[in-house]
Amino acid sequence: MGKQENVVEDYLNDQVKGLGGFTRKFAYIGRRGGADRIVFLYGTIILIEVKTTAGKESTLQTRERRRIRATGARAHCIYGKEGVDQLLFDLQVLERA
């Protein structure tokens, strides 16, 4: 993960904390393509791949995200701070519904 992605990860962590949730760094042992963070918020667990706005999800990451979603779990790739804001907005809308 590049330095700029760390800025987005830190932003995600701070925003989730501000909403009463928390994140954890996620590392696959002996496997590539895993998500960067696990988000715990509003009774939901979401695996997140973090990218800068100029970043690109690798084929391995896309495949892994699809495998996770196929089980019914939530997994997203978010791009930049705008992606963080959109994800959290969507979660707040779902929480209120």
PDB file of N, CA and C in Angstrom:
ATOM      1  N   MET A   1       0.852  -1.167   0.000  1.00  0.00           N
ATOM      2  CA  MET A   1       0.000   0.000   0.000  1.00  0.00           C
ATOM      3  C   MET A   1       0.898   1.229   0.000  1.00  0.00           C
ATOM      4  N   GLY A   2       0.550   2.193  -0.840  1.00  0.00           N
ATOM      5  CA  GLY A   2       1.320   3.418  -0.947  1.00  0.00           C
ATOM      6  C   GLY A   2       0.986   4.406   0.155  1.00  0.00           C
ATOM      7  N   LYS A   3       1.832   5.410   0.259  1.00  0.00           N
ATOM      8  CA  LYS A   3       1.651   6.433   1.290  1.00  0.00           C
ATOM      9  C   LYS A   3       0.314   7.142   1.145  1.00  0.00           C
ATOM     10  N   GLN A   4      -0.089   7.449  -0.086  1.00  0.00           N
ATOM     11  CA  GLN A   4      -1.355   8.146  -0.298  1.00  0.00           C
ATOM     12  C   GLN A   4      -2.550   7.284   0.117  1.00  0.00           C
ATOM     13  N   GLU A   5      -2.461   5.984  -0.090  1.00  0.00           N
ATOM     14  CA  GLU A   5      -3.541   5.099   0.372  1.00  0.00           C
ATOM     15  C   GLU A   5      -3.641   5.113   1.885  1.00  0.00           C
ATOM     16  N   ASN A   6      -2.512   5.276   2.560  1.00  0.00           N
ATOM     17  CA  ASN A   6      -2.544   5.365   4.021  1.00  0.00           C
ATOM     18  C   ASN A   6      -3.337   6.577   4.484  1.00  0.00           C
ATOM     19  N   VAL A   7      -3.265   7.667   3.738  1.00  0.00           N
ATOM     20  CA  VAL A   7      -4.035   8.867   4.078  1.00  0.00           C
ATOM     21  C   VAL A   7      -5.532   8.551   4.000  1.00  0.00           C
ATOM     22  N   VAL A   8      -5.935   7.835   2.967  1.00  0.00           N
ATOM     23  CA  VAL A   8      -7.346   7.466   2.812  1.00  0.00           C
ATOM     24  C   VAL A   8      -7.746   6.485   3.920  1.00  0.00           C
ATOM     25  N   GLU A   9      -6.875   5.531   4.233  1.00  0.00           N
ATOM     26  CA  GLU A   9      -7.159   4.582   5.315  1.00  0.00           C
ATOM     27  C   GLU A   9      -7.335   5.291   6.647  1.00  0.00           C
ATOM     28  N   ASP A  10      -6.459   6.237   6.932  1.00  0.00           N
ATOM     29  CA  ASP A  10      -6.571   7.011   8.179  1.00  0.00           C
ATOM     30  C   ASP A  10      -7.880   7.800   8.208  1.00  0.00           C
ATOM     31  N   TYR A  11      -8.258   8.362   7.079  1.00  0.00           N
ATOM     32  CA  TYR A  11      -9.513   9.113   6.986  1.00  0.00           C
ATOM     33  C   TYR A  11     -10.702   8.186   7.249  1.00  0.00           C
ATOM     34  N   LEU A  12     -10.682   7.002   6.633  1.00  0.00           N
ATOM     35  CA  LEU A  12     -11.738   6.004   6.865  1.00  0.00           C
ATOM     36  C   LEU A  12     -11.833   5.693   8.354  1.00  0.00           C
ATOM     37  N   ASN A  13     -10.696   5.420   8.972  1.00  0.00           N
ATOM     38  CA  ASN A  13     -10.662   5.081  10.388  1.00  0.00           C
ATOM     39  C   ASN A  13     -11.253   6.208  11.236  1.00  0.00           C
ATOM     40  N   ASP A  14     -10.841   7.434  10.967  1.00  0.00           N
ATOM     41  CA  ASP A  14     -11.335   8.579  11.745  1.00  0.00           C
ATOM     42  C   ASP A  14     -12.838   8.787  11.568  1.00  0.00           C
ATOM     43  N   GLN A  15     -13.329   8.655  10.341  1.00  0.00           N
ATOM     44  CA  GLN A  15     -14.747   8.873  10.075  1.00  0.00           C
ATOM     45  C   GLN A  15     -15.616   7.786  10.719  1.00  0.00           C
ATOM     46  N   VAL A  16     -15.160   6.549  10.642  1.00  0.00           N
ATOM     47  CA  VAL A  16     -15.911   5.447  11.260  1.00  0.00           C
ATOM     48  C   VAL A  16     -15.939   5.620  12.776  1.00  0.00           C
ATOM     49  N   LYS A  17     -14.809   5.987  13.362  1.00  0.00           N
ATOM     50  CA  LYS A  17     -14.751   6.257  14.805  1.00  0.00           C
ATOM     51  C   LYS A  17     -15.742   7.342  15.199  1.00  0.00           C
ATOM     52  N   GLY A  18     -15.809   8.391  14.388  1.00  0.00           N
ATOM     53  CA  GLY A  18     -16.713   9.498  14.663  1.00  0.00           C
ATOM     54  C   GLY A  18     -18.182   9.091  14.647  1.00  0.00           C
ATOM     55  N   LEU A  19     -18.487   7.994  13.978  1.00  0.00           N
ATOM     56  CA  LEU A  19     -19.861   7.484  13.922  1.00  0.00           C
ATOM     57  C   LEU A  19     -20.116   6.387  14.950  1.00  0.00           C
ATOM     58  N   GLY A  20     -19.116   6.117  15.791  1.00  0.00           N
ATOM     59  CA  GLY A  20     -19.291   5.132  16.852  1.00  0.00           C
ATOM     60  C   GLY A  20     -18.828   3.733  16.505  1.00  0.00           C
ATOM     61  N   GLY A  21     -18.182   3.565  15.372  1.00  0.00           N
ATOM     62  CA  GLY A  21     -17.677   2.247  14.976  1.00  0.00           C
ATOM     63  C   GLY A  21     -16.170   2.181  15.119  1.00  0.00           C
ATOM     64  N   PHE A  22     -15.585   1.146  14.540  1.00  0.00           N
ATOM     65  CA  PHE A  22     -14.129   1.034  14.532  1.00  0.00           C
ATOM     66  C   PHE A  22     -13.694   0.204  13.336  1.00  0.00           C
ATOM     67  N   THR A  23     -12.416   0.321  13.005  1.00  0.00           N
ATOM     68  CA  THR A  23     -11.850  -0.470  11.913  1.00  0.00           C
ATOM     69  C   THR A  23     -10.677  -1.267  12.440  1.00  0.00           C
ATOM     70  N   ARG A  24     -10.345  -2.292  11.712  1.00  0.00           N
ATOM     71  CA  ARG A  24      -9.150  -3.082  12.009  1.00  0.00           C
ATOM     72  C   ARG A  24      -8.394  -3.310  10.713  1.00  0.00           C
ATOM     73  N   LYS A  25      -7.080  -3.256  10.801  1.00  0.00           N
ATOM     74  CA  LYS A  25      -6.234  -3.588   9.664  1.00  0.00           C
ATOM     75  C   LYS A  25      -6.412  -5.068   9.380  1.00  0.00           C
ATOM     76  N   PHE A  26      -6.486  -5.411   8.124  1.00  0.00           N
ATOM     77  CA  PHE A  26      -6.730  -6.784   7.730  1.00  0.00           C
ATOM     78  C   PHE A  26      -5.552  -7.268   6.897  1.00  0.00           C
ATOM     79  N   ALA A  27      -5.010  -8.422   7.243  1.00  0.00           N
ATOM     80  CA  ALA A  27      -3.884  -8.976   6.494  1.00  0.00           C
ATOM     81  C   ALA A  27      -4.128 -10.460   6.246  1.00  0.00           C
ATOM     82  N   TYR A  28      -4.066 -10.844   4.995  1.00  0.00           N
ATOM     83  CA  TYR A  28      -4.143 -12.260   4.639  1.00  0.00           C
ATOM     84  C   TYR A  28      -2.743 -12.840   4.802  1.00  0.00           C
ATOM     85  N   ILE A  29      -2.644 -13.950   5.470  1.00  0.00           N
ATOM     86  CA  ILE A  29      -1.358 -14.623   5.624  1.00  0.00           C
ATOM     87  C   ILE A  29      -1.227 -15.627   4.477  1.00  0.00           C
ATOM     88  N   GLY A  30      -0.177 -15.458   3.682  1.00  0.00           N
ATOM     89  CA  GLY A  30       0.078 -16.392   2.595  1.00  0.00           C
ATOM     90  C   GLY A  30      -0.891 -16.290   1.431  1.00  0.00           C
ATOM     91  N   ARG A  31      -1.577 -15.152   1.312  1.00  0.00           N
ATOM     92  CA  ARG A  31      -2.542 -14.989   0.226  1.00  0.00           C
ATOM     93  C   ARG A  31      -2.527 -13.528  -0.220  1.00  0.00           C
ATOM     94  N   ARG A  32      -2.673 -13.317  -1.507  1.00  0.00           N
ATOM     95  CA  ARG A  32      -2.684 -11.966  -2.052  1.00  0.00           C
ATOM     96  C   ARG A  32      -4.113 -11.567  -2.409  1.00  0.00           C
ATOM     97  N   GLY A  33      -4.322 -10.250  -2.504  1.00  0.00           N
ATOM     98  CA  GLY A  33      -5.625  -9.758  -2.960  1.00  0.00           C
ATOM     99  C   GLY A  33      -6.623  -9.467  -1.862  1.00  0.00           C
ATOM    100  N   GLY A  34      -6.195  -9.548  -0.610  1.00  0.00           N
ATOM    101  CA  GLY A  34      -7.110  -9.333   0.502  1.00  0.00           C
ATOM    102  C   GLY A  34      -7.427  -7.869   0.736  1.00  0.00           C
ATOM    103  N   ALA A  35      -8.533  -7.622   1.386  1.00  0.00           N
ATOM    104  CA  ALA A  35      -8.959  -6.262   1.716  1.00  0.00           C
ATOM    105  C   ALA A  35      -7.977  -5.619   2.695  1.00  0.00           C
ATOM    106  N   ASP A  36      -8.000  -4.285   2.738  1.00  0.00           N
ATOM    107  CA  ASP A  36      -7.109  -3.543   3.633  1.00  0.00           C
ATOM    108  C   ASP A  36      -7.666  -3.407   5.044  1.00  0.00           C
ATOM    109  N   ARG A  37      -8.967  -3.209   5.144  1.00  0.00           N
ATOM    110  CA  ARG A  37      -9.601  -2.912   6.431  1.00  0.00           C
ATOM    111  C   ARG A  37     -10.896  -3.682   6.610  1.00  0.00           C
ATOM    112  N   ILE A  38     -11.218  -3.939   7.869  1.00  0.00           N
ATOM    113  CA  ILE A  38     -12.535  -4.451   8.239  1.00  0.00           C
ATOM    114  C   ILE A  38     -13.205  -3.333   9.029  1.00  0.00           C
ATOM    115  N   VAL A  39     -14.418  -2.974   8.618  1.00  0.00           N
ATOM    116  CA  VAL A  39     -15.177  -1.920   9.275  1.00  0.00           C
ATOM    117  C   VAL A  39     -16.298  -2.554  10.089  1.00  0.00           C
ATOM    118  N   PHE A  40     -16.422  -2.136  11.338  1.00  0.00           N
ATOM    119  CA  PHE A  40     -17.496  -2.564  12.227  1.00  0.00           C
ATOM    120  C   PHE A  40     -18.325  -1.330  12.545  1.00  0.00           C
ATOM    121  N   LEU A  41     -19.539  -1.263  12.008  1.00  0.00           N
ATOM    122  CA  LEU A  41     -20.364  -0.075  12.173  1.00  0.00           C
ATOM    123  C   LEU A  41     -21.832  -0.440  12.006  1.00  0.00           C
ATOM    124  N   TYR A  42     -22.665   0.041  12.901  1.00  0.00           N
ATOM    125  CA  TYR A  42     -24.117  -0.182  12.848  1.00  0.00           C
ATOM    126  C   TYR A  42     -24.478  -1.674  12.796  1.00  0.00           C
ATOM    127  N   GLY A  43     -23.729  -2.497  13.487  1.00  0.00           N
ATOM    128  CA  GLY A  43     -24.019  -3.925  13.494  1.00  0.00           C
ATOM    129  C   GLY A  43     -23.641  -4.622  12.200  1.00  0.00           C
ATOM    130  N   THR A  44     -22.876  -3.958  11.373  1.00  0.00           N
ATOM    131  CA  THR A  44     -22.468  -4.489  10.073  1.00  0.00           C
ATOM    132  C   THR A  44     -20.957  -4.645  10.038  1.00  0.00           C
ATOM    133  N   ILE A  45     -20.499  -5.685   9.377  1.00  0.00           N
ATOM    134  CA  ILE A  45     -19.072  -5.906   9.161  1.00  0.00           C
ATOM    135  C   ILE A  45     -18.828  -5.831   7.661  1.00  0.00           C
ATOM    136  N   ILE A  46     -17.898  -4.969   7.271  1.00  0.00           N
ATOM    137  CA  ILE A  46     -17.630  -4.755   5.853  1.00  0.00           C
ATOM    138  C   ILE A  46     -16.129  -4.838   5.611  1.00  0.00           C
ATOM    139  N   LEU A  47     -15.731  -5.587   4.596  1.00  0.00           N
ATOM    140  CA  LEU A  47     -14.333  -5.636   4.192  1.00  0.00           C
ATOM    141  C   LEU A  47     -14.109  -4.560   3.139  1.00  0.00           C
ATOM    142  N   ILE A  48     -13.054  -3.767   3.322  1.00  0.00           N
ATOM    143  CA  ILE A  48     -12.804  -2.612   2.475  1.00  0.00           C
ATOM    144  C   ILE A  48     -11.420  -2.680   1.846  1.00  0.00           C
ATOM    145  N   GLU A  49     -11.374  -2.529   0.548  1.00  0.00           N
ATOM    146  CA  GLU A  49     -10.128  -2.304  -0.182  1.00  0.00           C
ATOM    147  C   GLU A  49     -10.040  -0.799  -0.412  1.00  0.00           C
ATOM    148  N   VAL A  50      -8.949  -0.185   0.009  1.00  0.00           N
ATOM    149  CA  VAL A  50      -8.780   1.263  -0.068  1.00  0.00           C
ATOM    150  C   VAL A  50      -7.866   1.606  -1.236  1.00  0.00           C
ATOM    151  N   LYS A  51      -8.312   2.562  -2.050  1.00  0.00           N
ATOM    152  CA  LYS A  51      -7.523   3.058  -3.174  1.00  0.00           C
ATOM    153  C   LYS A  51      -7.550   4.577  -3.177  1.00  0.00           C
ATOM    154  N   THR A  52      -6.533   5.183  -3.781  1.00  0.00           N
ATOM    155  CA  THR A  52      -6.591   6.616  -4.024  1.00  0.00           C
ATOM    156  C   THR A  52      -7.541   6.837  -5.192  1.00  0.00           C
ATOM    157  N   THR A  53      -7.884   8.076  -5.461  1.00  0.00           N
ATOM    158  CA  THR A  53      -8.780   8.346  -6.594  1.00  0.00           C
ATOM    159  C   THR A  53      -8.135   7.935  -7.909  1.00  0.00           C
ATOM    160  N   ALA A  54      -6.811   7.895  -7.956  1.00  0.00           N
ATOM    161  CA  ALA A  54      -6.106   7.476  -9.170  1.00  0.00           C
ATOM    162  C   ALA A  54      -5.753   5.987  -9.152  1.00  0.00           C
ATOM    163  N   GLY A  55      -6.070   5.304  -8.054  1.00  0.00           N
ATOM    164  CA  GLY A  55      -5.706   3.899  -7.908  1.00  0.00           C
ATOM    165  C   GLY A  55      -6.571   2.978  -8.755  1.00  0.00           C
ATOM    166  N   LYS A  56      -6.134   1.728  -8.851  1.00  0.00           N
ATOM    167  CA  LYS A  56      -6.880   0.731  -9.611  1.00  0.00           C
ATOM    168  C   LYS A  56      -6.854  -0.582  -8.842  1.00  0.00           C
ATOM    169  N   GLU A  57      -8.010  -1.168  -8.695  1.00  0.00           N
ATOM    170  CA  GLU A  57      -8.111  -2.470  -8.040  1.00  0.00           C
ATOM    171  C   GLU A  57      -7.497  -3.524  -8.958  1.00  0.00           C
ATOM    172  N   SER A  58      -6.662  -4.384  -8.386  1.00  0.00           N
ATOM    173  CA  SER A  58      -6.032  -5.436  -9.197  1.00  0.00           C
ATOM    174  C   SER A  58      -7.040  -6.537  -9.496  1.00  0.00           C
ATOM    175  N   THR A  59      -6.716  -7.339 -10.473  1.00  0.00           N
ATOM    176  CA  THR A  59      -7.570  -8.471 -10.838  1.00  0.00           C
ATOM    177  C   THR A  59      -7.757  -9.403  -9.647  1.00  0.00           C
ATOM    178  N   LEU A  60      -6.689  -9.653  -8.900  1.00  0.00           N
ATOM    179  CA  LEU A  60      -6.787 -10.513  -7.709  1.00  0.00           C
ATOM    180  C   LEU A  60      -7.732  -9.907  -6.670  1.00  0.00           C
ATOM    181  N   GLN A  61      -7.640  -8.600  -6.466  1.00  0.00           N
ATOM    182  CA  GLN A  61      -8.501  -7.936  -5.488  1.00  0.00           C
ATOM    183  C   GLN A  61      -9.962  -7.978  -5.916  1.00  0.00           C
ATOM    184  N   THR A  62     -10.213  -7.763  -7.198  1.00  0.00           N
ATOM    185  CA  THR A  62     -11.584  -7.829  -7.715  1.00  0.00           C
ATOM    186  C   THR A  62     -12.139  -9.228  -7.537  1.00  0.00           C
ATOM    187  N   ARG A  63     -11.351 -10.233  -7.861  1.00  0.00           N
ATOM    188  CA  ARG A  63     -11.788 -11.621  -7.725  1.00  0.00           C
ATOM    189  C   ARG A  63     -12.099 -11.959  -6.270  1.00  0.00           C
ATOM    190  N   GLU A  64     -11.231 -11.522  -5.357  1.00  0.00           N
ATOM    191  CA  GLU A  64     -11.448 -11.814  -3.938  1.00  0.00           C
ATOM    192  C   GLU A  64     -12.691 -11.108  -3.407  1.00  0.00           C
ATOM    193  N   ARG A  65     -12.888  -9.841  -3.812  1.00  0.00           N
ATOM    194  CA  ARG A  65     -14.084  -9.107  -3.386  1.00  0.00           C
ATOM    195  C   ARG A  65     -15.349  -9.811  -3.882  1.00  0.00           C
ATOM    196  N   ARG A  66     -15.321 -10.285  -5.093  1.00  0.00           N
ATOM    197  CA  ARG A  66     -16.485 -11.010  -5.638  1.00  0.00           C
ATOM    198  C   ARG A  66     -16.729 -12.319  -4.889  1.00  0.00           C
ATOM    199  N   ARG A  67     -15.667 -13.018  -4.520  1.00  0.00           N
ATOM    200  CA  ARG A  67     -15.815 -14.262  -3.746  1.00  0.00           C
ATOM    201  C   ARG A  67     -16.468 -13.981  -2.399  1.00  0.00           C
ATOM    202  N   ILE A  68     -16.043 -12.905  -1.760  1.00  0.00           N
ATOM    203  CA  ILE A  68     -16.609 -12.531  -0.461  1.00  0.00           C
ATOM    204  C   ILE A  68     -18.081 -12.189  -0.619  1.00  0.00           C
ATOM    205  N   ARG A  69     -18.414 -11.385  -1.609  1.00  0.00           N
ATOM    206  CA  ARG A  69     -19.809 -11.007  -1.848  1.00  0.00           C
ATOM    207  C   ARG A  69     -20.686 -12.210  -2.192  1.00  0.00           C
ATOM    208  N   ALA A  70     -20.117 -13.194  -2.852  1.00  0.00           N
ATOM    209  CA  ALA A  70     -20.875 -14.392  -3.225  1.00  0.00           C
ATOM    210  C   ALA A  70     -21.358 -15.163  -2.000  1.00  0.00           C
ATOM    211  N   THR A  71     -20.718 -14.954  -0.854  1.00  0.00           N
ATOM    212  CA  THR A  71     -21.147 -15.625   0.375  1.00  0.00           C
ATOM    213  C   THR A  71     -22.238 -14.844   1.102  1.00  0.00           C
ATOM    214  N   GLY A  72     -22.544 -13.646   0.584  1.00  0.00           N
ATOM    215  CA  GLY A  72     -23.521 -12.789   1.240  1.00  0.00           C
ATOM    216  C   GLY A  72     -22.894 -11.739   2.137  1.00  0.00           C
ATOM    217  N   ALA A  73     -21.575 -11.768   2.257  1.00  0.00           N
ATOM    218  CA  ALA A  73     -20.871 -10.774   3.073  1.00  0.00           C
ATOM    219  C   ALA A  73     -20.709  -9.481   2.284  1.00  0.00           C
ATOM    220  N   ARG A  74     -20.406  -8.413   2.992  1.00  0.00           N
ATOM    221  CA  ARG A  74     -20.224  -7.113   2.346  1.00  0.00           C
ATOM    222  C   ARG A  74     -18.747  -6.843   2.123  1.00  0.00           C
ATOM    223  N   ALA A  75     -18.415  -6.426   0.917  1.00  0.00           N
ATOM    224  CA  ALA A  75     -17.047  -6.074   0.557  1.00  0.00           C
ATOM    225  C   ALA A  75     -17.104  -4.966  -0.480  1.00  0.00           C
ATOM    226  N   HIS A  76     -16.266  -3.952  -0.294  1.00  0.00           N
ATOM    227  CA  HIS A  76     -16.265  -2.809  -1.202  1.00  0.00           C
ATOM    228  C   HIS A  76     -14.843  -2.370  -1.499  1.00  0.00           C
ATOM    229  N   CYS A  77     -14.659  -1.788  -2.656  1.00  0.00           N
ATOM    230  CA  CYS A  77     -13.439  -1.070  -2.997  1.00  0.00           C
ATOM    231  C   CYS A  77     -13.823   0.396  -3.040  1.00  0.00           C
ATOM    232  N   ILE A  78     -13.151   1.217  -2.239  1.00  0.00           N
ATOM    233  CA  ILE A  78     -13.477   2.641  -2.197  1.00  0.00           C
ATOM    234  C   ILE A  78     -12.287   3.450  -2.697  1.00  0.00           C
ATOM    235  N   TYR A  79     -12.607   4.528  -3.385  1.00  0.00           N
ATOM    236  CA  TYR A  79     -11.599   5.366  -4.021  1.00  0.00           C
ATOM    237  C   TYR A  79     -11.564   6.745  -3.381  1.00  0.00           C
ATOM    238  N   GLY A  80     -10.508   7.037  -2.652  1.00  0.00           N
ATOM    239  CA  GLY A  80     -10.294   8.344  -2.063  1.00  0.00           C
ATOM    240  C   GLY A  80     -11.260   8.670  -0.937  1.00  0.00           C
ATOM    241  N   LYS A  81     -11.092   9.867  -0.408  1.00  0.00           N
ATOM    242  CA  LYS A  81     -11.947  10.325   0.684  1.00  0.00           C
ATOM    243  C   LYS A  81     -13.400  10.410   0.245  1.00  0.00           C
ATOM    244  N   GLU A  82     -13.626  10.720  -1.032  1.00  0.00           N
ATOM    245  CA  GLU A  82     -14.992  10.792  -1.549  1.00  0.00           C
ATOM    246  C   GLU A  82     -15.670   9.420  -1.468  1.00  0.00           C
ATOM    247  N   GLY A  83     -14.905   8.377  -1.733  1.00  0.00           N
ATOM    248  CA  GLY A  83     -15.437   7.022  -1.629  1.00  0.00           C
ATOM    249  C   GLY A  83     -15.784   6.648  -0.202  1.00  0.00           C
ATOM    250  N   VAL A  84     -14.953   7.095   0.733  1.00  0.00           N
ATOM    251  CA  VAL A  84     -15.232   6.878   2.155  1.00  0.00           C
ATOM    252  C   VAL A  84     -16.536   7.572   2.522  1.00  0.00           C
ATOM    253  N   ASP A  85     -16.653   8.842   2.136  1.00  0.00           N
ATOM    254  CA  ASP A  85     -17.851   9.610   2.465  1.00  0.00           C
ATOM    255  C   ASP A  85     -19.110   8.969   1.876  1.00  0.00           C
ATOM    256  N   GLN A  86     -19.025   8.497   0.636  1.00  0.00           N
ATOM    257  CA  GLN A  86     -20.188   7.885  -0.004  1.00  0.00           C
ATOM    258  C   GLN A  86     -20.581   6.587   0.688  1.00  0.00           C
ATOM    259  N   LEU A  87     -19.613   5.755   1.016  1.00  0.00           N
ATOM    260  CA  LEU A  87     -19.899   4.501   1.713  1.00  0.00           C
ATOM    261  C   LEU A  87     -20.582   4.769   3.048  1.00  0.00           C
ATOM    262  N   LEU A  88     -20.044   5.709   3.810  1.00  0.00           N
ATOM    263  CA  LEU A  88     -20.613   5.995   5.127  1.00  0.00           C
ATOM    264  C   LEU A  88     -21.989   6.647   5.009  1.00  0.00           C
ATOM    265  N   PHE A  89     -22.197   7.472   4.007  1.00  0.00           N
ATOM    266  CA  PHE A  89     -23.523   8.039   3.763  1.00  0.00           C
ATOM    267  C   PHE A  89     -24.525   6.920   3.466  1.00  0.00           C
ATOM    268  N   ASP A  90     -24.141   5.999   2.582  1.00  0.00           N
ATOM    269  CA  ASP A  90     -25.011   4.871   2.229  1.00  0.00           C
ATOM    270  C   ASP A  90     -25.345   4.028   3.460  1.00  0.00           C
ATOM    271  N   LEU A  91     -24.355   3.782   4.308  1.00  0.00           N
ATOM    272  CA  LEU A  91     -24.589   3.000   5.520  1.00  0.00           C
ATOM    273  C   LEU A  91     -25.548   3.722   6.477  1.00  0.00           C
ATOM    274  N   GLN A  92     -25.415   5.039   6.573  1.00  0.00           N
ATOM    275  CA  GLN A  92     -26.317   5.813   7.442  1.00  0.00           C
ATOM    276  C   GLN A  92     -27.741   5.761   6.909  1.00  0.00           C
ATOM    277  N   VAL A  93     -27.907   5.829   5.601  1.00  0.00           N
ATOM    278  CA  VAL A  93     -29.244   5.738   4.998  1.00  0.00           C
ATOM    279  C   VAL A  93     -29.856   4.375   5.301  1.00  0.00           C
ATOM    280  N   LEU A  94     -29.068   3.315   5.141  1.00  0.00           N
ATOM    281  CA  LEU A  94     -29.556   1.957   5.436  1.00  0.00           C
ATOM    282  C   LEU A  94     -29.905   1.803   6.912  1.00  0.00           C
ATOM    283  N   GLU A  95     -29.114   2.408   7.769  1.00  0.00           N
ATOM    284  CA  GLU A  95     -29.342   2.313   9.210  1.00  0.00           C
ATOM    285  C   GLU A  95     -30.672   2.962   9.593  1.00  0.00           C
ATOM    286  N   ARG A  96     -31.018   4.037   8.924  1.00  0.00           N
ATOM    287  CA  ARG A  96     -32.249   4.753   9.231  1.00  0.00           C
ATOM    288  C   ARG A  96     -33.488   4.098   8.635  1.00  0.00           C
ATOM    289  N   ALA A  97     -33.293   3.256   7.639  1.00  0.00           N
ATOM    290  CA  ALA A  97     -34.446   2.632   6.947  1.00  0.00           C
ATOM    291  C   ALA A  97     -35.111   1.570   7.781  1.00  0.00           C
TER     292      ALA A  97
END
